[in-house]
Amino acid sequence: MPEDTMLKGATLVAQDQRMAHHGLPGFGTAAGRAKAFGKSDDEAKLEQSMCEISRADEFASQVAA
């Protein structure tokens, strides 16, 4: 694989991970607020989103290695 293609791929993985790491606290805060307001369905959806983002981040870490 050419070096420029590898660099572009690594850059995309790094960007994806950066977005995930910054987004997770926001989802966690929103889930906490949903819980505080008794919105259990919204809380569950937000927690599910957090799980999916975490799994995607783990996969990206494996790809980057």
C-alpha atoms as a PDB file:
ATOM      1  CA  MET A   1       0.000   0.000   0.000  1.00  0.00           C
ATOM      2  CA  PRO A   2       1.479   3.419  -0.919  1.00  0.00           C
ATOM      3  CA  GLU A   3       2.617   5.599   1.969  1.00  0.00           C
ATOM      4  CA  ASP A   4       0.227   8.444   1.130  1.00  0.00           C
ATOM      5  CA  THR A   5      -2.731   6.040   1.259  1.00  0.00           C
ATOM      6  CA  MET A   6      -1.569   4.700   4.627  1.00  0.00           C
ATOM      7  CA  LEU A   7      -1.170   8.248   5.935  1.00  0.00           C
ATOM      8  CA  LYS A   8      -4.667   9.193   4.778  1.00  0.00           C
ATOM      9  CA  GLY A   9      -6.090   6.073   6.437  1.00  0.00           C
ATOM     10  CA  ALA A  10      -4.271   6.770   9.681  1.00  0.00           C
ATOM     11  CA  THR A  11      -5.499  10.363   9.599  1.00  0.00           C
ATOM     12  CA  LEU A  12      -9.102   9.222   9.149  1.00  0.00           C
ATOM     13  CA  VAL A  13      -8.826   6.761  12.032  1.00  0.00           C
ATOM     14  CA  ALA A  14      -7.263   9.418  14.274  1.00  0.00           C
ATOM     15  CA  GLN A  15      -9.982  11.927  13.396  1.00  0.00           C
ATOM     16  CA  ASP A  16     -12.707   9.374  14.098  1.00  0.00           C
ATOM     17  CA  GLN A  17     -11.185   8.582  17.475  1.00  0.00           C
ATOM     18  CA  ARG A  18     -10.827  12.269  18.338  1.00  0.00           C
ATOM     19  CA  MET A  19     -14.501  12.839  17.608  1.00  0.00           C
ATOM     20  CA  ALA A  20     -15.515   9.791  19.649  1.00  0.00           C
ATOM     21  CA  HIS A  21     -13.420  10.840  22.650  1.00  0.00           C
ATOM     22  CA  HIS A  22     -14.913  14.329  22.629  1.00  0.00           C
ATOM     23  CA  GLY A  23     -18.463  13.138  21.986  1.00  0.00           C
ATOM     24  CA  LEU A  24     -18.744  10.518  24.725  1.00  0.00           C
ATOM     25  CA  PRO A  25     -18.826  12.977  27.645  1.00  0.00           C
ATOM     26  CA  GLY A  26     -21.643  14.872  25.937  1.00  0.00           C
ATOM     27  CA  PHE A  27     -23.698  11.726  25.540  1.00  0.00           C
ATOM     28  CA  GLY A  28     -22.974  10.820  29.169  1.00  0.00           C
ATOM     29  CA  THR A  29     -24.129  14.227  30.367  1.00  0.00           C
ATOM     30  CA  ALA A  30     -27.270  14.033  28.249  1.00  0.00           C
ATOM     31  CA  ALA A  31     -28.023  10.543  29.586  1.00  0.00           C
ATOM     32  CA  GLY A  32     -27.601  11.807  33.147  1.00  0.00           C
ATOM     33  CA  ARG A  33     -29.991  14.687  32.486  1.00  0.00           C
ATOM     34  CA  ALA A  34     -32.505  12.335  30.886  1.00  0.00           C
ATOM     35  CA  LYS A  35     -32.328  10.129  33.984  1.00  0.00           C
ATOM     36  CA  ALA A  36     -32.767  13.132  36.277  1.00  0.00           C
ATOM     37  CA  PHE A  37     -35.907  14.149  34.383  1.00  0.00           C
ATOM     38  CA  GLY A  38     -37.350  10.628  34.403  1.00  0.00           C
ATOM     39  CA  LYS A  39     -36.895  10.117  30.655  1.00  0.00           C
ATOM     40  CA  SER A  40     -35.809   6.486  30.850  1.00  0.00           C
ATOM     41  CA  ASP A  41     -36.385   5.806  27.128  1.00  0.00           C
ATOM     42  CA  ASP A  42     -34.150   8.727  26.178  1.00  0.00           C
ATOM     43  CA  GLU A  43     -31.572   7.672  28.749  1.00  0.00           C
ATOM     44  CA  ALA A  44     -31.506   4.144  27.307  1.00  0.00           C
ATOM     45  CA  LYS A  45     -31.064   5.445  23.751  1.00  0.00           C
ATOM     46  CA  LEU A  46     -28.230   7.721  24.796  1.00  0.00           C
ATOM     47  CA  GLU A  47     -26.509   4.918  26.701  1.00  0.00           C
ATOM     48  CA  GLN A  48     -26.892   2.657  23.655  1.00  0.00           C
ATOM     49  CA  SER A  49     -25.272   5.351  21.528  1.00  0.00           C
ATOM     50  CA  MET A  50     -22.399   5.549  23.999  1.00  0.00           C
ATOM     51  CA  CYS A  51     -21.885   1.785  23.756  1.00  0.00           C
ATOM     52  CA  GLU A  52     -21.861   1.918  19.968  1.00  0.00           C
ATOM     53  CA  ILE A  53     -19.370   4.798  19.944  1.00  0.00           C
ATOM     54  CA  SER A  54     -17.134   2.925  22.403  1.00  0.00           C
ATOM     55  CA  ARG A  55     -17.217  -0.230  20.283  1.00  0.00           C
ATOM     56  CA  ALA A  56     -16.369   1.759  17.158  1.00  0.00           C
ATOM     57  CA  ASP A  57     -13.486   3.410  19.015  1.00  0.00           C
ATOM     58  CA  GLU A  58     -12.147   0.016  20.126  1.00  0.00           C
ATOM     59  CA  PHE A  59     -12.313  -1.202  16.534  1.00  0.00           C
ATOM     60  CA  ALA A  60     -10.511   1.920  15.308  1.00  0.00           C
ATOM     61  CA  SER A  61      -7.756   1.276  17.881  1.00  0.00           C
ATOM     62  CA  GLN A  62      -7.338  -2.252  16.550  1.00  0.00           C
ATOM     63  CA  VAL A  63      -7.184  -0.991  12.965  1.00  0.00           C
ATOM     64  CA  ALA A  64      -4.608   1.627  13.908  1.00  0.00           C
ATOM     65  CA  ALA A  65      -2.320  -0.923  15.591  1.00  0.00           C
END
